[in-house]
Amino acid sequence: MQTMPAPLDALEASSGLGEFLVGSQAEIVALLKNCADGDVVLNLSSPRGAHYSSTVWAVDAARGTLSLTAEPNDVQLQNLLEDGEVVAVGYLEAVKLQFDLTDLMLVRGVGGCVMSARLPRRMYRFQRRSSFRVKPMGNASPVAVLRHPAVADMRLALRVLDVSISGVALFLPEDTPPIEPGTTIGLAQIELDGDTRFGASLVVHHVTLLNHESKGGRLGCEFAKVEPGGERQLQRYIDQTQKRRRLLTL
């Protein structure tokens, strides 16, 4: 049985949740665009029990609006629009996003229908503990060595930005031919440190442009298959990195 997620006002009244609040409009827009790029399913709920699944169609930061896919004849969608108060929940890789949708309405056009709402002013971002991501520390320069999936004779050594037990984020320089979301990389050699090296196949879930100074983008990849023993090495690397990070904060 589905339940209605707590509205943000109720969440903010709870203690200890401030660290999960995203208040920056630029960051909210970036997260929503990642949802659009990754075709992330959003579960929409209302206090009266209406439930509907949708995806982000477009994000218009200039106008402050968000467009979502819609099937206008769906009964649950009609109930949702009538209820008015709507909470959206979705999972962007290992992160749960929750935000309120205000001024939600159905917009009919020549090409079909979409739902339109105001861009949320705030959002909660919860990390799934089972897929906790860590960033390399110190002078470590971990890489993923692979062949470009669209250019067979091009060998790449892409810098690892962060890693979890379920996936890895890689830096793709701007002068490298693009790698599209949905691409499968048959074999990549993940080299995190001298003791953590294993082969894995990857699925690219989303590509995010970083700031202009970085001169590149972020490939968000899921491990489709990890060679025997690789997952154990990876879990040890994550645990050790977390421990070192905690020691530095003491």
C-alpha atoms as a PDB file:
ATOM      1  CA  MET A   1       0.000   0.000   0.000  1.00  0.00           C
ATOM      2  CA  GLN A   2       1.410   3.387  -0.983  1.00  0.00           C
ATOM      3  CA  THR A   3       1.720   6.132   1.587  1.00  0.00           C
ATOM      4  CA  MET A   4       1.958   9.887   1.239  1.00  0.00           C
ATOM      5  CA  PRO A   5       5.491  11.268   1.874  1.00  0.00           C
ATOM      6  CA  ALA A   6       5.699  13.971   4.505  1.00  0.00           C
ATOM      7  CA  PRO A   7       5.452  17.541   3.133  1.00  0.00           C
ATOM      8  CA  LEU A   8       8.631  19.586   3.410  1.00  0.00           C
ATOM      9  CA  ASP A   9       7.191  21.760   6.175  1.00  0.00           C
ATOM     10  CA  ALA A  10       6.698  18.641   8.295  1.00  0.00           C
ATOM     11  CA  LEU A  11      10.197  17.414   7.491  1.00  0.00           C
ATOM     12  CA  GLU A  12      11.741  20.729   8.450  1.00  0.00           C
ATOM     13  CA  ALA A  13       9.969  20.573  11.799  1.00  0.00           C
ATOM     14  CA  SER A  14      11.891  17.354  12.501  1.00  0.00           C
ATOM     15  CA  SER A  15      15.343  17.622  14.040  1.00  0.00           C
ATOM     16  CA  GLY A  16      18.545  16.643  12.276  1.00  0.00           C
ATOM     17  CA  LEU A  17      17.328  17.034   8.686  1.00  0.00           C
ATOM     18  CA  GLY A  18      18.834  20.415   7.906  1.00  0.00           C
ATOM     19  CA  GLU A  19      21.927  18.866   6.335  1.00  0.00           C
ATOM     20  CA  PHE A  20      19.727  17.221   3.667  1.00  0.00           C
ATOM     21  CA  LEU A  21      17.987  20.420   2.592  1.00  0.00           C
ATOM     22  CA  VAL A  22      18.876  21.860  -0.820  1.00  0.00           C
ATOM     23  CA  GLY A  23      18.014  25.556  -0.823  1.00  0.00           C
ATOM     24  CA  SER A  24      20.161  26.757  -3.719  1.00  0.00           C
ATOM     25  CA  GLN A  25      18.034  27.339  -6.809  1.00  0.00           C
ATOM     26  CA  ALA A  26      20.992  26.586  -9.084  1.00  0.00           C
ATOM     27  CA  GLU A  27      21.533  23.206  -7.405  1.00  0.00           C
ATOM     28  CA  ILE A  28      17.818  22.372  -7.549  1.00  0.00           C
ATOM     29  CA  VAL A  29      17.745  23.169 -11.262  1.00  0.00           C
ATOM     30  CA  ALA A  30      20.837  21.010 -11.830  1.00  0.00           C
ATOM     31  CA  LEU A  31      19.286  18.048  -9.967  1.00  0.00           C
ATOM     32  CA  LEU A  32      16.045  18.347 -11.938  1.00  0.00           C
ATOM     33  CA  LYS A  33      17.967  18.498 -15.215  1.00  0.00           C
ATOM     34  CA  ASN A  34      19.817  15.341 -14.164  1.00  0.00           C
ATOM     35  CA  CYS A  35      16.421  13.724 -13.593  1.00  0.00           C
ATOM     36  CA  ALA A  36      15.368  14.765 -17.095  1.00  0.00           C
ATOM     37  CA  ASP A  37      18.594  13.475 -18.659  1.00  0.00           C
ATOM     38  CA  GLY A  38      18.315  10.160 -16.826  1.00  0.00           C
ATOM     39  CA  ASP A  39      14.575   9.764 -17.471  1.00  0.00           C
ATOM     40  CA  VAL A  40      14.108   9.345 -13.704  1.00  0.00           C
ATOM     41  CA  VAL A  41      10.617   8.249 -12.655  1.00  0.00           C
ATOM     42  CA  LEU A  42       8.985  10.596 -10.139  1.00  0.00           C
ATOM     43  CA  ASN A  43       6.249   9.246  -7.884  1.00  0.00           C
ATOM     44  CA  LEU A  44       3.684  11.993  -7.288  1.00  0.00           C
ATOM     45  CA  SER A  45       1.346  11.779  -4.287  1.00  0.00           C
ATOM     46  CA  SER A  46      -1.398  13.893  -2.782  1.00  0.00           C
ATOM     47  CA  PRO A  47      -2.789  13.987   0.800  1.00  0.00           C
ATOM     48  CA  ARG A  48      -6.028  12.374  -0.392  1.00  0.00           C
ATOM     49  CA  GLY A  49      -4.239   9.295  -1.669  1.00  0.00           C
ATOM     50  CA  ALA A  50      -3.846   9.999  -5.386  1.00  0.00           C
ATOM     51  CA  HIS A  51      -0.671   8.534  -6.917  1.00  0.00           C
ATOM     52  CA  TYR A  52       0.812   9.099 -10.351  1.00  0.00           C
ATOM     53  CA  SER A  53       4.166   8.341 -11.999  1.00  0.00           C
ATOM     54  CA  SER A  54       5.802  10.887 -14.291  1.00  0.00           C
ATOM     55  CA  THR A  55       9.178  12.099 -15.584  1.00  0.00           C
ATOM     56  CA  VAL A  56      10.715  15.538 -16.029  1.00  0.00           C
ATOM     57  CA  TRP A  57      10.020  16.835 -19.527  1.00  0.00           C
ATOM     58  CA  ALA A  58      11.708  20.244 -19.306  1.00  0.00           C
ATOM     59  CA  VAL A  59      13.224  22.662 -16.777  1.00  0.00           C
ATOM     60  CA  ASP A  60      12.917  26.385 -17.522  1.00  0.00           C
ATOM     61  CA  ALA A  61      15.052  28.214 -14.978  1.00  0.00           C
ATOM     62  CA  ALA A  62      14.427  31.620 -16.579  1.00  0.00           C
ATOM     63  CA  ARG A  63      10.645  31.303 -16.213  1.00  0.00           C
ATOM     64  CA  GLY A  64      10.839  29.337 -12.992  1.00  0.00           C
ATOM     65  CA  THR A  65       8.752  26.452 -14.330  1.00  0.00           C
ATOM     66  CA  LEU A  66       8.981  22.682 -14.462  1.00  0.00           C
ATOM     67  CA  SER A  67       7.226  20.487 -17.042  1.00  0.00           C
ATOM     68  CA  LEU A  68       6.336  16.834 -16.418  1.00  0.00           C
ATOM     69  CA  THR A  69       5.037  14.127 -18.724  1.00  0.00           C
ATOM     70  CA  ALA A  70       1.314  13.371 -18.478  1.00  0.00           C
ATOM     71  CA  GLU A  71      -1.432  11.121 -19.820  1.00  0.00           C
ATOM     72  CA  PRO A  72      -4.478  13.420 -19.690  1.00  0.00           C
ATOM     73  CA  ASN A  73      -7.093  10.632 -19.544  1.00  0.00           C
ATOM     74  CA  ASP A  74      -5.568   8.893 -16.520  1.00  0.00           C
ATOM     75  CA  VAL A  75      -7.994   8.949 -13.581  1.00  0.00           C
ATOM     76  CA  GLN A  76      -5.224   9.136 -10.987  1.00  0.00           C
ATOM     77  CA  LEU A  77      -3.781  12.180 -12.739  1.00  0.00           C
ATOM     78  CA  GLN A  78      -7.148  13.918 -12.617  1.00  0.00           C
ATOM     79  CA  ASN A  79      -7.441  13.149  -8.890  1.00  0.00           C
ATOM     80  CA  LEU A  80      -3.928  14.474  -8.327  1.00  0.00           C
ATOM     81  CA  LEU A  81      -4.676  17.749 -10.103  1.00  0.00           C
ATOM     82  CA  GLU A  82      -7.905  18.196  -8.152  1.00  0.00           C
ATOM     83  CA  ASP A  83      -6.178  17.626  -4.795  1.00  0.00           C
ATOM     84  CA  GLY A  84      -3.720  20.458  -5.394  1.00  0.00           C
ATOM     85  CA  GLU A  85      -1.068  19.524  -2.790  1.00  0.00           C
ATOM     86  CA  VAL A  86       1.484  17.247  -4.428  1.00  0.00           C
ATOM     87  CA  VAL A  87       4.782  15.769  -3.232  1.00  0.00           C
ATOM     88  CA  ALA A  88       7.273  14.314  -5.738  1.00  0.00           C
ATOM     89  CA  VAL A  89       9.773  11.570  -4.852  1.00  0.00           C
ATOM     90  CA  GLY A  90      12.397  10.116  -7.185  1.00  0.00           C
ATOM     91  CA  TYR A  91      15.735   8.321  -7.086  1.00  0.00           C
ATOM     92  CA  LEU A  92      18.722   9.766  -8.917  1.00  0.00           C
ATOM     93  CA  GLU A  93      21.176   6.883  -8.755  1.00  0.00           C
ATOM     94  CA  ALA A  94      21.876   6.459  -5.010  1.00  0.00           C
ATOM     95  CA  VAL A  95      20.112   9.680  -4.006  1.00  0.00           C
ATOM     96  CA  LYS A  96      16.468  10.089  -3.019  1.00  0.00           C
ATOM     97  CA  LEU A  97      14.980  13.462  -3.984  1.00  0.00           C
ATOM     98  CA  GLN A  98      11.786  14.858  -2.466  1.00  0.00           C
ATOM     99  CA  PHE A  99      10.103  18.179  -3.205  1.00  0.00           C
ATOM    100  CA  ASP A 100       6.687  19.830  -3.271  1.00  0.00           C
ATOM    101  CA  LEU A 101       4.954  20.740  -6.530  1.00  0.00           C
ATOM    102  CA  THR A 102       2.913  23.933  -6.462  1.00  0.00           C
ATOM    103  CA  ASP A 103       0.526  25.426  -9.024  1.00  0.00           C
ATOM    104  CA  LEU A 104       0.388  22.063 -10.806  1.00  0.00           C
ATOM    105  CA  MET A 105      -1.803  22.165 -13.905  1.00  0.00           C
ATOM    106  CA  LEU A 106      -2.360  20.318 -17.166  1.00  0.00           C
ATOM    107  CA  VAL A 107      -1.209  22.146 -20.297  1.00  0.00           C
ATOM    108  CA  ARG A 108      -2.525  20.952 -23.659  1.00  0.00           C
ATOM    109  CA  GLY A 109      -0.587  21.648 -26.832  1.00  0.00           C
ATOM    110  CA  VAL A 110      -0.387  20.560 -30.462  1.00  0.00           C
ATOM    111  CA  GLY A 111       2.151  17.836 -29.653  1.00  0.00           C
ATOM    112  CA  GLY A 112       0.340  16.488 -26.585  1.00  0.00           C
ATOM    113  CA  CYS A 113      -0.061  17.300 -22.900  1.00  0.00           C
ATOM    114  CA  VAL A 114       2.325  18.047 -20.050  1.00  0.00           C
ATOM    115  CA  MET A 115       1.935  19.056 -16.441  1.00  0.00           C
ATOM    116  CA  SER A 116       3.344  22.431 -15.512  1.00  0.00           C
ATOM    117  CA  ALA A 117       4.399  23.537 -12.021  1.00  0.00           C
ATOM    118  CA  ARG A 118       6.568  26.136 -10.350  1.00  0.00           C
ATOM    119  CA  LEU A 119      10.193  25.204  -9.833  1.00  0.00           C
ATOM    120  CA  PRO A 120      10.519  24.040  -6.230  1.00  0.00           C
ATOM    121  CA  ARG A 121      12.136  26.560  -3.888  1.00  0.00           C
ATOM    122  CA  ARG A 122      13.585  23.777  -1.740  1.00  0.00           C
ATOM    123  CA  MET A 123      14.266  20.095  -2.001  1.00  0.00           C
ATOM    124  CA  TYR A 124      15.477  17.264   0.209  1.00  0.00           C
ATOM    125  CA  ARG A 125      18.352  15.091  -0.954  1.00  0.00           C
ATOM    126  CA  PHE A 126      18.823  11.836   0.978  1.00  0.00           C
ATOM    127  CA  GLN A 127      21.803   9.549   0.346  1.00  0.00           C
ATOM    128  CA  ARG A 128      21.054   5.824   0.287  1.00  0.00           C
ATOM    129  CA  ARG A 129      23.392   4.387   2.906  1.00  0.00           C
ATOM    130  CA  SER A 130      23.696   1.081   1.053  1.00  0.00           C
ATOM    131  CA  SER A 131      25.212   2.954  -1.903  1.00  0.00           C
ATOM    132  CA  PHE A 132      27.304   5.527  -0.060  1.00  0.00           C
ATOM    133  CA  ARG A 133      29.643   7.331  -2.454  1.00  0.00           C
ATOM    134  CA  VAL A 134      33.184   8.339  -1.554  1.00  0.00           C
ATOM    135  CA  LYS A 135      35.584  10.699  -3.276  1.00  0.00           C
ATOM    136  CA  PRO A 136      39.277   9.812  -3.629  1.00  0.00           C
ATOM    137  CA  MET A 137      41.454  11.435  -0.977  1.00  0.00           C
ATOM    138  CA  GLY A 138      44.886  13.024  -0.971  1.00  0.00           C
ATOM    139  CA  ASN A 139      47.082  12.683  -4.013  1.00  0.00           C
ATOM    140  CA  ALA A 140      45.338   9.548  -5.269  1.00  0.00           C
ATOM    141  CA  SER A 141      44.498   9.589  -8.971  1.00  0.00           C
ATOM    142  CA  PRO A 142      42.167   6.631  -9.570  1.00  0.00           C
ATOM    143  CA  VAL A 143      41.123   5.974 -13.163  1.00  0.00           C
ATOM    144  CA  ALA A 144      38.897   3.763 -15.277  1.00  0.00           C
ATOM    145  CA  VAL A 145      40.724   2.460 -18.333  1.00  0.00           C
ATOM    146  CA  LEU A 146      38.437   1.601 -21.243  1.00  0.00           C
ATOM    147  CA  ARG A 147      37.898   1.798 -24.984  1.00  0.00           C
ATOM    148  CA  HIS A 148      35.580   4.554 -26.193  1.00  0.00           C
ATOM    149  CA  PRO A 149      32.271   2.792 -26.990  1.00  0.00           C
ATOM    150  CA  ALA A 150      31.801   4.817 -30.197  1.00  0.00           C
ATOM    151  CA  VAL A 151      35.434   4.983 -31.326  1.00  0.00           C
ATOM    152  CA  ALA A 152      36.891   1.475 -31.244  1.00  0.00           C
ATOM    153  CA  ASP A 153      40.561   2.450 -31.544  1.00  0.00           C
ATOM    154  CA  MET A 154      40.401   5.156 -28.855  1.00  0.00           C
ATOM    155  CA  ARG A 155      41.686   4.088 -25.440  1.00  0.00           C
ATOM    156  CA  LEU A 156      40.717   6.283 -22.484  1.00  0.00           C
ATOM    157  CA  ALA A 157      41.898   6.617 -18.893  1.00  0.00           C
ATOM    158  CA  LEU A 158      39.080   8.584 -17.248  1.00  0.00           C
ATOM    159  CA  ARG A 159      39.557  10.065 -13.784  1.00  0.00           C
ATOM    160  CA  VAL A 160      37.285   8.646 -11.062  1.00  0.00           C
ATOM    161  CA  LEU A 161      35.303  11.453  -9.387  1.00  0.00           C
ATOM    162  CA  ASP A 162      33.533   9.252  -6.844  1.00  0.00           C
ATOM    163  CA  VAL A 163      32.573   5.620  -6.395  1.00  0.00           C
ATOM    164  CA  SER A 164      30.041   3.469  -4.540  1.00  0.00           C
ATOM    165  CA  ILE A 165      29.344  -0.241  -4.342  1.00  0.00           C
ATOM    166  CA  SER A 166      26.808   0.181  -7.162  1.00  0.00           C
ATOM    167  CA  GLY A 167      28.494   2.627  -9.529  1.00  0.00           C
ATOM    168  CA  VAL A 168      31.171   5.133 -10.411  1.00  0.00           C
ATOM    169  CA  ALA A 169      31.303   8.718 -11.674  1.00  0.00           C
ATOM    170  CA  LEU A 170      33.956   9.461 -14.299  1.00  0.00           C
ATOM    171  CA  PHE A 171      35.326  12.731 -15.672  1.00  0.00           C
ATOM    172  CA  LEU A 172      35.007  13.031 -19.453  1.00  0.00           C
ATOM    173  CA  PRO A 173      37.241  15.814 -20.875  1.00  0.00           C
ATOM    174  CA  GLU A 174      35.482  18.208 -23.242  1.00  0.00           C
ATOM    175  CA  ASP A 175      37.837  17.334 -26.116  1.00  0.00           C
ATOM    176  CA  THR A 176      36.777  13.653 -25.962  1.00  0.00           C
ATOM    177  CA  PRO A 177      33.976  12.388 -28.258  1.00  0.00           C
ATOM    178  CA  PRO A 178      30.730  12.315 -26.230  1.00  0.00           C
ATOM    179  CA  ILE A 179      29.373   9.168 -24.587  1.00  0.00           C
ATOM    180  CA  GLU A 180      25.576   9.124 -24.570  1.00  0.00           C
ATOM    181  CA  PRO A 181      23.310   8.058 -21.668  1.00  0.00           C
ATOM    182  CA  GLY A 182      22.202   4.451 -22.029  1.00  0.00           C
ATOM    183  CA  THR A 183      25.568   3.384 -23.494  1.00  0.00           C
ATOM    184  CA  THR A 184      27.010   0.084 -22.266  1.00  0.00           C
ATOM    185  CA  ILE A 185      30.769  -0.100 -21.771  1.00  0.00           C
ATOM    186  CA  GLY A 186      31.637  -3.766 -22.094  1.00  0.00           C
ATOM    187  CA  LEU A 187      34.805  -3.717 -20.017  1.00  0.00           C
ATOM    188  CA  ALA A 188      36.521  -1.079 -17.935  1.00  0.00           C
ATOM    189  CA  GLN A 189      39.528  -1.620 -15.708  1.00  0.00           C
ATOM    190  CA  ILE A 190      38.864   0.247 -12.453  1.00  0.00           C
ATOM    191  CA  GLU A 191      42.136   1.245 -10.771  1.00  0.00           C
ATOM    192  CA  LEU A 192      41.437   2.975  -7.439  1.00  0.00           C
ATOM    193  CA  ASP A 193      44.772   2.343  -5.715  1.00  0.00           C
ATOM    194  CA  GLY A 194      47.575  -0.194  -5.627  1.00  0.00           C
ATOM    195  CA  ASP A 195      45.380  -2.764  -3.871  1.00  0.00           C
ATOM    196  CA  THR A 196      42.065  -2.070  -5.619  1.00  0.00           C
ATOM    197  CA  ARG A 197      42.017  -3.017  -9.294  1.00  0.00           C
ATOM    198  CA  PHE A 198      39.202  -4.924 -10.963  1.00  0.00           C
ATOM    199  CA  GLY A 199      37.327  -5.225 -14.233  1.00  0.00           C
ATOM    200  CA  ALA A 200      33.682  -4.239 -14.639  1.00  0.00           C
ATOM    201  CA  SER A 201      31.098  -3.541 -17.314  1.00  0.00           C
ATOM    202  CA  LEU A 202      29.331  -0.187 -17.017  1.00  0.00           C
ATOM    203  CA  VAL A 203      26.033   1.364 -18.055  1.00  0.00           C
ATOM    204  CA  VAL A 204      26.058   5.152 -18.475  1.00  0.00           C
ATOM    205  CA  HIS A 205      22.937   6.546 -16.800  1.00  0.00           C
ATOM    206  CA  HIS A 206      23.488  10.275 -17.199  1.00  0.00           C
ATOM    207  CA  VAL A 207      25.968  12.849 -18.438  1.00  0.00           C
ATOM    208  CA  THR A 208      26.220  16.120 -16.531  1.00  0.00           C
ATOM    209  CA  LEU A 209      28.155  19.169 -17.707  1.00  0.00           C
ATOM    210  CA  LEU A 210      30.377  20.531 -14.936  1.00  0.00           C
ATOM    211  CA  ASN A 211      31.323  24.188 -14.523  1.00  0.00           C
ATOM    212  CA  HIS A 212      33.138  25.939 -17.357  1.00  0.00           C
ATOM    213  CA  GLU A 213      36.510  25.887 -15.579  1.00  0.00           C
ATOM    214  CA  SER A 214      36.480  22.085 -15.302  1.00  0.00           C
ATOM    215  CA  LYS A 215      36.466  21.671 -19.120  1.00  0.00           C
ATOM    216  CA  GLY A 216      34.501  18.466 -19.091  1.00  0.00           C
ATOM    217  CA  GLY A 217      31.508  16.493 -17.888  1.00  0.00           C
ATOM    218  CA  ARG A 218      30.507  13.846 -15.362  1.00  0.00           C
ATOM    219  CA  LEU A 219      29.525  10.352 -16.495  1.00  0.00           C
ATOM    220  CA  GLY A 220      27.268   8.691 -13.940  1.00  0.00           C
ATOM    221  CA  CYS A 221      27.732   4.931 -14.444  1.00  0.00           C
ATOM    222  CA  GLU A 222      26.243   1.843 -12.843  1.00  0.00           C
ATOM    223  CA  PHE A 223      28.242  -1.355 -12.442  1.00  0.00           C
ATOM    224  CA  ALA A 224      26.409  -3.852 -14.654  1.00  0.00           C
ATOM    225  CA  LYS A 225      28.813  -6.668 -13.787  1.00  0.00           C
ATOM    226  CA  VAL A 226      31.921  -6.810 -11.603  1.00  0.00           C
ATOM    227  CA  GLU A 227      34.550  -9.507 -11.973  1.00  0.00           C
ATOM    228  CA  PRO A 228      34.874 -12.064  -9.116  1.00  0.00           C
ATOM    229  CA  GLY A 229      36.548 -10.511  -6.074  1.00  0.00           C
ATOM    230  CA  GLY A 230      36.073  -6.981  -7.362  1.00  0.00           C
ATOM    231  CA  GLU A 231      33.104  -6.119  -5.179  1.00  0.00           C
ATOM    232  CA  ARG A 232      35.025  -7.186  -2.065  1.00  0.00           C
ATOM    233  CA  GLN A 233      37.954  -4.959  -3.073  1.00  0.00           C
ATOM    234  CA  LEU A 234      35.568  -2.085  -3.721  1.00  0.00           C
ATOM    235  CA  GLN A 235      33.809  -2.424  -0.368  1.00  0.00           C
ATOM    236  CA  ARG A 236      37.169  -2.438   1.425  1.00  0.00           C
ATOM    237  CA  TYR A 237      38.267   0.678  -0.470  1.00  0.00           C
ATOM    238  CA  ILE A 238      35.031   2.498   0.439  1.00  0.00           C
ATOM    239  CA  ASP A 239      35.297   1.513   4.115  1.00  0.00           C
ATOM    240  CA  GLN A 240      38.946   2.587   4.349  1.00  0.00           C
ATOM    241  CA  THR A 241      38.269   5.910   2.606  1.00  0.00           C
ATOM    242  CA  GLN A 242      35.389   6.659   4.985  1.00  0.00           C
ATOM    243  CA  LYS A 243      37.561   5.845   8.002  1.00  0.00           C
ATOM    244  CA  ARG A 244      40.373   8.140   6.807  1.00  0.00           C
ATOM    245  CA  ARG A 245      37.899  10.944   6.182  1.00  0.00           C
ATOM    246  CA  ARG A 246      36.437  10.581   9.694  1.00  0.00           C
ATOM    247  CA  LEU A 247      39.936  10.655  11.230  1.00  0.00           C
ATOM    248  CA  LEU A 248      40.697  13.931   9.466  1.00  0.00           C
ATOM    249  CA  THR A 249      37.650  15.557  11.074  1.00  0.00           C
ATOM    250  CA  LEU A 250      38.628  14.580  14.655  1.00  0.00           C
END
